[in-house]
C-alpha cells in the first residue's frame, strides 16, 4: 500500500514512517525540506508545504492512504485550507486517512468528515515527548520547575503512530475517533522521579507559583495569550487529562508503552556531567 505521511519529520511522523516502512508499505514522506529529512533508506521524501495546497499535487500521486496533521508553517498554526487538501486527496483517489487531531477540530477534520474518504481521528491526551522541554533545565540545574501538578495519562509517540498505522492498513476503523492515553496517569513530580531513576541523577521537582510559571513560559518566548493559556491549563486541567483508556491496546493488540520506557529511550538527553 502506498501511504503519504505528512508531518513525517515530527515526533509521531518519524515513528509512523518507520513502522509502515518496516511492514513493507511504500511510504512517501512529506516535508518542506527533503534534503534534511534523514529518513530510513527506501522511504521517498517529497517536498511540499501543507499551508500551500499548490505544492502538494506530486505528493498525492498514486497514494492510497494518507496520514494528516492539522497545522503547518513556521508557527505551527492551524491549517485553514483543509477543504482544499481533502479535495486534492479525493481527486487523487485516496481511500483512507488518519488525522493527528487536537482538542478542537480544525478545517482538516471538518472537510474529511464531509468527504468520501474513510477517516480515523487520533486524539492523544498529551505526548510523553513534552518532557523534553525539561531537558535543558535538568542538565543545567537538576530540577524541574513548573506550576502544573495534575496527573496526566500521557501517551508514547510510537503508540500514536502504531494506532495510525493500524487504522490506515486494516479494515474496521473508518469513522472512528480514538482518544489515546498511556497506561498510567502521572504528575510532573512522578515523571521527575522516573527521570531521576532512569538517568541515575538527583533531580528535584520545584512547584512554582503562578507568577513563577508566567516567568518560565515567557522565558520560552511565548506571547501573553499563550502564557495565560498555560496558567489556566495548569490550574484548571481538563477532566480527561488523567483518565487512562485502553484504546492503544484495543486497536493495536499491544499494551501501551510506559513513561519509564520512554525515559529510558531518551535518557541521554537529560544526563549532565555536573
C-alpha atoms as a PDB file:
ATOM      1  CA  UNK A   1       0.000   0.000   0.000  1.00  0.00           C
ATOM      2  CA  UNK A   2       1.334   3.445  -0.888  1.00  0.00           C
ATOM      3  CA  UNK A   3       0.866   5.833   2.021  1.00  0.00           C
ATOM      4  CA  UNK A   4       1.689   9.533   2.306  1.00  0.00           C
ATOM      5  CA  UNK A   5       2.780  10.686   5.765  1.00  0.00           C
ATOM      6  CA  UNK A   6       2.553  14.418   6.435  1.00  0.00           C
ATOM      7  CA  UNK A   7       4.465  15.756   9.408  1.00  0.00           C
ATOM      8  CA  UNK A   8       6.932  12.995   8.562  1.00  0.00           C
ATOM      9  CA  UNK A   9       9.836  14.507  10.499  1.00  0.00           C
ATOM     10  CA  UNK A  10       7.809  15.181  13.653  1.00  0.00           C
ATOM     11  CA  UNK A  11       7.611  13.206  16.884  1.00  0.00           C
ATOM     12  CA  UNK A  12       4.795  10.966  15.641  1.00  0.00           C
ATOM     13  CA  UNK A  13       5.588  11.130  11.940  1.00  0.00           C
ATOM     14  CA  UNK A  14       9.045   9.602  12.269  1.00  0.00           C
ATOM     15  CA  UNK A  15       7.644   6.636  14.185  1.00  0.00           C
ATOM     16  CA  UNK A  16       4.840   6.195  11.653  1.00  0.00           C
ATOM     17  CA  UNK A  17       7.211   6.310   8.662  1.00  0.00           C
ATOM     18  CA  UNK A  18       9.438   3.672  10.260  1.00  0.00           C
ATOM     19  CA  UNK A  19       6.503   1.465  11.290  1.00  0.00           C
ATOM     20  CA  UNK A  20       4.927   1.464   7.824  1.00  0.00           C
ATOM     21  CA  UNK A  21       8.262   1.020   6.049  1.00  0.00           C
ATOM     22  CA  UNK A  22       9.226  -1.943   8.224  1.00  0.00           C
ATOM     23  CA  UNK A  23       5.821  -3.506   7.494  1.00  0.00           C
ATOM     24  CA  UNK A  24       6.607  -3.400   3.779  1.00  0.00           C
ATOM     25  CA  UNK A  25       4.465  -0.468   2.669  1.00  0.00           C
ATOM     26  CA  UNK A  26       5.539   2.099   0.064  1.00  0.00           C
ATOM     27  CA  UNK A  27       5.976   5.179   2.235  1.00  0.00           C
ATOM     28  CA  UNK A  28       6.082   8.707   0.878  1.00  0.00           C
ATOM     29  CA  UNK A  29       7.139  11.342   3.427  1.00  0.00           C
ATOM     30  CA  UNK A  30       6.052  14.958   3.020  1.00  0.00           C
ATOM     31  CA  UNK A  31       8.486  17.580   4.265  1.00  0.00           C
ATOM     32  CA  UNK A  32       9.308  21.162   3.414  1.00  0.00           C
ATOM     33  CA  UNK A  33      12.988  20.277   3.190  1.00  0.00           C
ATOM     34  CA  UNK A  34      13.635  16.734   1.876  1.00  0.00           C
ATOM     35  CA  UNK A  35      17.420  17.202   1.990  1.00  0.00           C
ATOM     36  CA  UNK A  36      17.294  17.464   5.784  1.00  0.00           C
ATOM     37  CA  UNK A  37      14.649  14.796   6.435  1.00  0.00           C
ATOM     38  CA  UNK A  38      17.043  11.971   7.486  1.00  0.00           C
ATOM     39  CA  UNK A  39      14.516   9.227   6.781  1.00  0.00           C
ATOM     40  CA  UNK A  40      15.116   5.454   6.584  1.00  0.00           C
ATOM     41  CA  UNK A  41      16.630   4.140   3.323  1.00  0.00           C
ATOM     42  CA  UNK A  42      13.872   3.297   0.867  1.00  0.00           C
ATOM     43  CA  UNK A  43      11.490   5.995   2.089  1.00  0.00           C
ATOM     44  CA  UNK A  44      10.880   8.675  -0.525  1.00  0.00           C
ATOM     45  CA  UNK A  45      10.891  12.226   0.814  1.00  0.00           C
ATOM     46  CA  UNK A  46       8.792  14.645  -1.245  1.00  0.00           C
ATOM     47  CA  UNK A  47       8.752  18.424  -0.983  1.00  0.00           C
ATOM     48  CA  UNK A  48       5.534  20.147  -0.038  1.00  0.00           C
ATOM     49  CA  UNK A  49       4.062  22.722   2.320  1.00  0.00           C
ATOM     50  CA  UNK A  50       0.683  21.961   3.869  1.00  0.00           C
ATOM     51  CA  UNK A  51      -0.110  25.667   4.062  1.00  0.00           C
ATOM     52  CA  UNK A  52       0.177  25.929   0.253  1.00  0.00           C
ATOM     53  CA  UNK A  53      -2.057  23.377  -1.470  1.00  0.00           C
ATOM     54  CA  UNK A  54      -0.496  24.118  -4.863  1.00  0.00           C
ATOM     55  CA  UNK A  55       2.721  22.398  -3.693  1.00  0.00           C
ATOM     56  CA  UNK A  56       1.032  19.113  -2.770  1.00  0.00           C
ATOM     57  CA  UNK A  57      -0.067  17.603  -6.088  1.00  0.00           C
ATOM     58  CA  UNK A  58       3.022  15.422  -6.722  1.00  0.00           C
ATOM     59  CA  UNK A  59       2.931  14.095  -3.162  1.00  0.00           C
ATOM     60  CA  UNK A  60      -0.583  12.685  -3.635  1.00  0.00           C
ATOM     61  CA  UNK A  61       0.078  10.971  -6.971  1.00  0.00           C
ATOM     62  CA  UNK A  62      -0.772   7.272  -6.688  1.00  0.00           C
ATOM     63  CA  UNK A  63      -1.382   7.417  -2.936  1.00  0.00           C
ATOM     64  CA  UNK A  64      -3.944   5.062  -1.377  1.00  0.00           C
ATOM     65  CA  UNK A  65      -3.784   6.301   2.223  1.00  0.00           C
ATOM     66  CA  UNK A  66      -2.624   9.466   3.962  1.00  0.00           C
ATOM     67  CA  UNK A  67      -1.738  10.481   7.493  1.00  0.00           C
ATOM     68  CA  UNK A  68      -2.532  14.147   8.100  1.00  0.00           C
ATOM     69  CA  UNK A  69      -1.595  16.735  10.658  1.00  0.00           C
ATOM     70  CA  UNK A  70      -3.702  19.824  11.274  1.00  0.00           C
ATOM     71  CA  UNK A  71      -1.030  22.526  11.481  1.00  0.00           C
ATOM     72  CA  UNK A  72       1.772  23.895   9.361  1.00  0.00           C
ATOM     73  CA  UNK A  73       4.155  26.735   8.652  1.00  0.00           C
ATOM     74  CA  UNK A  74       6.899  28.155  10.817  1.00  0.00           C
ATOM     75  CA  UNK A  75       4.451  28.988  13.600  1.00  0.00           C
ATOM     76  CA  UNK A  76       2.612  25.643  13.524  1.00  0.00           C
ATOM     77  CA  UNK A  77      -0.712  27.430  13.109  1.00  0.00           C
ATOM     78  CA  UNK A  78      -3.928  25.504  12.470  1.00  0.00           C
ATOM     79  CA  UNK A  79      -4.408  24.879   8.757  1.00  0.00           C
ATOM     80  CA  UNK A  80      -7.193  26.912   7.156  1.00  0.00           C
ATOM     81  CA  UNK A  81      -7.060  25.150   3.770  1.00  0.00           C
ATOM     82  CA  UNK A  82      -8.388  21.798   4.935  1.00  0.00           C
ATOM     83  CA  UNK A  83     -11.121  21.671   2.292  1.00  0.00           C
ATOM     84  CA  UNK A  84      -8.538  22.206  -0.468  1.00  0.00           C
ATOM     85  CA  UNK A  85      -6.256  19.464   0.892  1.00  0.00           C
ATOM     86  CA  UNK A  86      -9.074  16.946   1.244  1.00  0.00           C
ATOM     87  CA  UNK A  87     -10.436  17.809  -2.190  1.00  0.00           C
ATOM     88  CA  UNK A  88      -6.961  17.167  -3.612  1.00  0.00           C
ATOM     89  CA  UNK A  89      -6.792  13.822  -1.800  1.00  0.00           C
ATOM     90  CA  UNK A  90     -10.200  12.795  -3.165  1.00  0.00           C
ATOM     91  CA  UNK A  91      -9.263  13.752  -6.719  1.00  0.00           C
ATOM     92  CA  UNK A  92      -6.175  11.551  -6.451  1.00  0.00           C
ATOM     93  CA  UNK A  93      -8.213   8.578  -5.255  1.00  0.00           C
ATOM     94  CA  UNK A  94      -7.077   8.442  -1.624  1.00  0.00           C
ATOM     95  CA  UNK A  95      -9.267   5.918   0.158  1.00  0.00           C
ATOM     96  CA  UNK A  96      -8.162   6.140   3.798  1.00  0.00           C
ATOM     97  CA  UNK A  97      -6.887   8.874   6.069  1.00  0.00           C
ATOM     98  CA  UNK A  98      -5.831   9.309   9.649  1.00  0.00           C
ATOM     99  CA  UNK A  99      -5.580  12.675  11.357  1.00  0.00           C
ATOM    100  CA  UNK A 100      -3.477  13.611  14.352  1.00  0.00           C
ATOM    101  CA  UNK A 101      -6.032  15.877  15.959  1.00  0.00           C
ATOM    102  CA  UNK A 102      -6.085  18.175  18.941  1.00  0.00           C
ATOM    103  CA  UNK A 103      -8.665  19.225  21.492  1.00  0.00           C
ATOM    104  CA  UNK A 104     -10.625  21.301  18.985  1.00  0.00           C
ATOM    105  CA  UNK A 105     -11.487  20.367  15.373  1.00  0.00           C
ATOM    106  CA  UNK A 106      -9.795  22.222  12.516  1.00  0.00           C
ATOM    107  CA  UNK A 107     -10.607  22.647   8.836  1.00  0.00           C
ATOM    108  CA  UNK A 108      -8.942  19.280   8.136  1.00  0.00           C
ATOM    109  CA  UNK A 109     -11.303  17.231  10.311  1.00  0.00           C
ATOM    110  CA  UNK A 110     -14.380  19.106   9.104  1.00  0.00           C
ATOM    111  CA  UNK A 111     -13.513  18.605   5.441  1.00  0.00           C
ATOM    112  CA  UNK A 112     -12.553  14.971   5.934  1.00  0.00           C
ATOM    113  CA  UNK A 113     -15.805  14.101   7.673  1.00  0.00           C
ATOM    114  CA  UNK A 114     -17.724  15.555   4.732  1.00  0.00           C
ATOM    115  CA  UNK A 115     -15.647  13.657   2.162  1.00  0.00           C
ATOM    116  CA  UNK A 116     -15.824  10.193   0.595  1.00  0.00           C
ATOM    117  CA  UNK A 117     -12.564   9.166   2.315  1.00  0.00           C
ATOM    118  CA  UNK A 118     -12.656   6.632   5.157  1.00  0.00           C
ATOM    119  CA  UNK A 119     -11.236   8.556   8.124  1.00  0.00           C
ATOM    120  CA  UNK A 120      -9.939   7.937  11.648  1.00  0.00           C
ATOM    121  CA  UNK A 121      -9.109  10.762  14.048  1.00  0.00           C
ATOM    122  CA  UNK A 122      -6.446  10.278  16.709  1.00  0.00           C
ATOM    123  CA  UNK A 123      -6.692  12.410  19.859  1.00  0.00           C
ATOM    124  CA  UNK A 124      -3.726  11.938  22.216  1.00  0.00           C
ATOM    125  CA  UNK A 125      -4.245  13.477  25.644  1.00  0.00           C
ATOM    126  CA  UNK A 126      -0.565  14.542  25.869  1.00  0.00           C
ATOM    127  CA  UNK A 127       2.718  13.456  24.287  1.00  0.00           C
ATOM    128  CA  UNK A 128       5.298  11.859  26.569  1.00  0.00           C
ATOM    129  CA  UNK A 129       7.774  13.830  24.477  1.00  0.00           C
ATOM    130  CA  UNK A 130       6.574  17.059  26.093  1.00  0.00           C
ATOM    131  CA  UNK A 131       9.001  16.169  28.888  1.00  0.00           C
ATOM    132  CA  UNK A 132      11.845  17.055  26.523  1.00  0.00           C
ATOM    133  CA  UNK A 133      11.053  20.677  27.380  1.00  0.00           C
ATOM    134  CA  UNK A 134      12.562  19.923  30.792  1.00  0.00           C
ATOM    135  CA  UNK A 135      15.882  18.642  29.432  1.00  0.00           C
ATOM    136  CA  UNK A 136      17.775  21.924  29.410  1.00  0.00           C
ATOM    137  CA  UNK A 137      16.817  22.757  32.999  1.00  0.00           C
ATOM    138  CA  UNK A 138      17.631  19.236  34.174  1.00  0.00           C
ATOM    139  CA  UNK A 139      21.062  19.340  32.554  1.00  0.00           C
ATOM    140  CA  UNK A 140      21.800  22.789  33.955  1.00  0.00           C
ATOM    141  CA  UNK A 141      20.244  22.622  37.429  1.00  0.00           C
ATOM    142  CA  UNK A 142      18.942  19.079  38.022  1.00  0.00           C
ATOM    143  CA  UNK A 143      15.488  20.493  38.675  1.00  0.00           C
ATOM    144  CA  UNK A 144      12.078  20.505  37.003  1.00  0.00           C
ATOM    145  CA  UNK A 145      10.216  23.720  37.788  1.00  0.00           C
ATOM    146  CA  UNK A 146       6.567  24.290  36.890  1.00  0.00           C
ATOM    147  CA  UNK A 147       3.137  25.202  38.227  1.00  0.00           C
ATOM    148  CA  UNK A 148       1.159  22.201  36.985  1.00  0.00           C
ATOM    149  CA  UNK A 149       0.750  19.369  39.484  1.00  0.00           C
ATOM    150  CA  UNK A 150      -2.116  17.350  37.983  1.00  0.00           C
ATOM    151  CA  UNK A 151      -1.775  13.763  36.748  1.00  0.00           C
ATOM    152  CA  UNK A 152      -1.676  13.240  33.001  1.00  0.00           C
ATOM    153  CA  UNK A 153      -2.139   9.954  31.139  1.00  0.00           C
ATOM    154  CA  UNK A 154       0.403  10.939  28.500  1.00  0.00           C
ATOM    155  CA  UNK A 155       0.983   8.604  25.562  1.00  0.00           C
ATOM    156  CA  UNK A 156       4.168   7.448  23.829  1.00  0.00           C
ATOM    157  CA  UNK A 157       4.525   8.870  20.319  1.00  0.00           C
ATOM    158  CA  UNK A 158       5.273   5.396  18.945  1.00  0.00           C
ATOM    159  CA  UNK A 159       1.892   4.199  20.218  1.00  0.00           C
ATOM    160  CA  UNK A 160       0.119   7.042  18.418  1.00  0.00           C
ATOM    161  CA  UNK A 161       1.962   6.004  15.261  1.00  0.00           C
ATOM    162  CA  UNK A 162       1.020   2.365  15.794  1.00  0.00           C
ATOM    163  CA  UNK A 163      -2.661   3.258  16.042  1.00  0.00           C
ATOM    164  CA  UNK A 164      -2.366   5.359  12.871  1.00  0.00           C
ATOM    165  CA  UNK A 165      -0.635   2.539  11.006  1.00  0.00           C
ATOM    166  CA  UNK A 166      -3.314   0.054  12.064  1.00  0.00           C
ATOM    167  CA  UNK A 167      -6.145   2.354  11.006  1.00  0.00           C
ATOM    168  CA  UNK A 168      -4.517   3.038   7.643  1.00  0.00           C
ATOM    169  CA  UNK A 169      -3.762  -0.566   6.747  1.00  0.00           C
ATOM    170  CA  UNK A 170      -6.613  -2.579   8.309  1.00  0.00           C
ATOM    171  CA  UNK A 171     -10.368  -2.540   7.843  1.00  0.00           C
ATOM    172  CA  UNK A 172     -12.858  -1.539  10.505  1.00  0.00           C
ATOM    173  CA  UNK A 173     -11.507   1.851  11.580  1.00  0.00           C
ATOM    174  CA  UNK A 174     -13.433   4.189   9.304  1.00  0.00           C
ATOM    175  CA  UNK A 175     -15.461   6.915  11.007  1.00  0.00           C
ATOM    176  CA  UNK A 176     -13.771   6.310  14.362  1.00  0.00           C
ATOM    177  CA  UNK A 177     -12.314   8.857  16.757  1.00  0.00           C
ATOM    178  CA  UNK A 178      -9.654   7.376  19.014  1.00  0.00           C
ATOM    179  CA  UNK A 179      -8.742   9.159  22.266  1.00  0.00           C
ATOM    180  CA  UNK A 180      -5.252   7.922  23.144  1.00  0.00           C
ATOM    181  CA  UNK A 181      -3.504   7.639  26.508  1.00  0.00           C
ATOM    182  CA  UNK A 182      -0.668   5.772  28.086  1.00  0.00           C
ATOM    183  CA  UNK A 183      -1.148   3.057  30.730  1.00  0.00           C
ATOM    184  CA  UNK A 184      -0.901   5.341  33.784  1.00  0.00           C
ATOM    185  CA  UNK A 185      -1.587   8.899  34.906  1.00  0.00           C
ATOM    186  CA  UNK A 186       1.495  10.602  36.316  1.00  0.00           C
ATOM    187  CA  UNK A 187       2.042  14.021  37.857  1.00  0.00           C
ATOM    188  CA  UNK A 188       5.057  16.118  36.861  1.00  0.00           C
ATOM    189  CA  UNK A 189       6.588  15.136  40.208  1.00  0.00           C
ATOM    190  CA  UNK A 190       6.098  11.443  39.316  1.00  0.00           C
ATOM    191  CA  UNK A 191       7.750  11.933  35.940  1.00  0.00           C
ATOM    192  CA  UNK A 192      10.631  13.806  37.540  1.00  0.00           C
ATOM    193  CA  UNK A 193      11.204  10.865  39.873  1.00  0.00           C
ATOM    194  CA  UNK A 194      11.199   8.416  36.963  1.00  0.00           C
ATOM    195  CA  UNK A 195      13.684  10.543  35.034  1.00  0.00           C
ATOM    196  CA  UNK A 196      15.926  10.653  38.102  1.00  0.00           C
ATOM    197  CA  UNK A 197      15.806   6.871  38.465  1.00  0.00           C
ATOM    198  CA  UNK A 198      16.446   6.344  34.765  1.00  0.00           C
ATOM    199  CA  UNK A 199      19.379   8.730  34.493  1.00  0.00           C
ATOM    200  CA  UNK A 200      20.889   7.931  37.888  1.00  0.00           C
ATOM    201  CA  UNK A 201      20.801  11.602  38.884  1.00  0.00           C
ATOM    202  CA  UNK A 202      19.234  13.518  41.751  1.00  0.00           C
ATOM    203  CA  UNK A 203      16.516  15.622  40.086  1.00  0.00           C
ATOM    204  CA  UNK A 204      14.223  17.736  42.249  1.00  0.00           C
ATOM    205  CA  UNK A 205      10.716  18.893  41.378  1.00  0.00           C
ATOM    206  CA  UNK A 206      10.105  22.581  42.151  1.00  0.00           C
ATOM    207  CA  UNK A 207       6.495  23.729  42.481  1.00  0.00           C
ATOM    208  CA  UNK A 208       6.188  27.237  41.011  1.00  0.00           C
ATOM    209  CA  UNK A 209       3.712  29.968  41.850  1.00  0.00           C
ATOM    210  CA  UNK A 210       1.565  31.448  39.092  1.00  0.00           C
ATOM    211  CA  UNK A 211       3.974  34.379  38.736  1.00  0.00           C
ATOM    212  CA  UNK A 212       6.885  31.960  38.570  1.00  0.00           C
ATOM    213  CA  UNK A 213       5.111  29.982  35.853  1.00  0.00           C
ATOM    214  CA  UNK A 214       4.493  33.153  33.865  1.00  0.00           C
ATOM    215  CA  UNK A 215       8.186  33.954  34.016  1.00  0.00           C
ATOM    216  CA  UNK A 216       9.079  30.408  32.947  1.00  0.00           C
ATOM    217  CA  UNK A 217       6.751  30.461  29.943  1.00  0.00           C
ATOM    218  CA  UNK A 218       7.905  33.919  28.868  1.00  0.00           C
ATOM    219  CA  UNK A 219      11.429  32.553  29.017  1.00  0.00           C
ATOM    220  CA  UNK A 220      10.492  30.198  26.183  1.00  0.00           C
ATOM    221  CA  UNK A 221       9.418  33.198  24.118  1.00  0.00           C
ATOM    222  CA  UNK A 222       5.669  32.608  24.390  1.00  0.00           C
ATOM    223  CA  UNK A 223       3.355  35.605  23.984  1.00  0.00           C
ATOM    224  CA  UNK A 224       0.995  36.796  26.716  1.00  0.00           C
ATOM    225  CA  UNK A 225      -2.040  34.942  25.338  1.00  0.00           C
ATOM    226  CA  UNK A 226      -0.186  31.625  25.372  1.00  0.00           C
ATOM    227  CA  UNK A 227       1.229  32.338  28.839  1.00  0.00           C
ATOM    228  CA  UNK A 228      -2.247  32.893  30.253  1.00  0.00           C
ATOM    229  CA  UNK A 229      -3.496  29.774  28.467  1.00  0.00           C
ATOM    230  CA  UNK A 230      -0.685  27.875  30.192  1.00  0.00           C
ATOM    231  CA  UNK A 231      -1.731  29.236  33.579  1.00  0.00           C
ATOM    232  CA  UNK A 232      -5.341  28.199  33.001  1.00  0.00           C
ATOM    233  CA  UNK A 233      -4.299  24.724  31.883  1.00  0.00           C
ATOM    234  CA  UNK A 234      -2.065  24.253  34.915  1.00  0.00           C
ATOM    235  CA  UNK A 235      -4.691  25.413  37.412  1.00  0.00           C
ATOM    236  CA  UNK A 236      -7.810  24.054  35.698  1.00  0.00           C
ATOM    237  CA  UNK A 237      -6.827  20.983  33.641  1.00  0.00           C
ATOM    238  CA  UNK A 238      -9.458  19.163  31.571  1.00  0.00           C
ATOM    239  CA  UNK A 239     -11.127  16.243  33.310  1.00  0.00           C
ATOM    240  CA  UNK A 240      -9.898  13.839  30.634  1.00  0.00           C
ATOM    241  CA  UNK A 241      -6.225  14.581  31.343  1.00  0.00           C
ATOM    242  CA  UNK A 242      -5.850  11.909  33.999  1.00  0.00           C
ATOM    243  CA  UNK A 243      -8.233   9.283  32.617  1.00  0.00           C
ATOM    244  CA  UNK A 244      -6.433   6.120  31.436  1.00  0.00           C
ATOM    245  CA  UNK A 245      -8.026   4.475  28.399  1.00  0.00           C
ATOM    246  CA  UNK A 246      -7.362   1.058  26.800  1.00  0.00           C
ATOM    247  CA  UNK A 247      -7.543   2.391  23.224  1.00  0.00           C
ATOM    248  CA  UNK A 248      -3.941   1.713  22.219  1.00  0.00           C
ATOM    249  CA  UNK A 249      -4.138  -1.962  23.158  1.00  0.00           C
ATOM    250  CA  UNK A 250      -7.683  -2.331  21.804  1.00  0.00           C
ATOM    251  CA  UNK A 251      -6.628  -1.050  18.372  1.00  0.00           C
ATOM    252  CA  UNK A 252      -3.085  -2.402  18.040  1.00  0.00           C
ATOM    253  CA  UNK A 253      -3.128  -5.526  20.211  1.00  0.00           C
ATOM    254  CA  UNK A 254      -0.105  -4.471  22.270  1.00  0.00           C
ATOM    255  CA  UNK A 255      -0.056  -2.727  25.660  1.00  0.00           C
ATOM    256  CA  UNK A 256       0.625   0.985  25.691  1.00  0.00           C
ATOM    257  CA  UNK A 257       4.240   1.885  26.470  1.00  0.00           C
ATOM    258  CA  UNK A 258       5.045   3.346  29.884  1.00  0.00           C
ATOM    259  CA  UNK A 259       6.731   6.639  30.675  1.00  0.00           C
ATOM    260  CA  UNK A 260       9.604   4.636  32.157  1.00  0.00           C
ATOM    261  CA  UNK A 261      10.152   3.076  28.725  1.00  0.00           C
ATOM    262  CA  UNK A 262      10.083   6.493  27.092  1.00  0.00           C
ATOM    263  CA  UNK A 263      12.508   7.866  29.683  1.00  0.00           C
ATOM    264  CA  UNK A 264      14.948   5.032  29.050  1.00  0.00           C
ATOM    265  CA  UNK A 265      14.857   5.691  25.311  1.00  0.00           C
ATOM    266  CA  UNK A 266      15.604   9.394  25.828  1.00  0.00           C
ATOM    267  CA  UNK A 267      17.777   9.261  28.948  1.00  0.00           C
ATOM    268  CA  UNK A 268      20.842  10.643  27.201  1.00  0.00           C
ATOM    269  CA  UNK A 269      19.060  13.933  26.557  1.00  0.00           C
ATOM    270  CA  UNK A 270      18.614  14.509  30.301  1.00  0.00           C
ATOM    271  CA  UNK A 271      22.009  13.481  31.608  1.00  0.00           C
ATOM    272  CA  UNK A 272      24.506  16.065  32.784  1.00  0.00           C
ATOM    273  CA  UNK A 273      28.169  15.924  33.731  1.00  0.00           C
ATOM    274  CA  UNK A 274      27.706  18.235  36.723  1.00  0.00           C
END
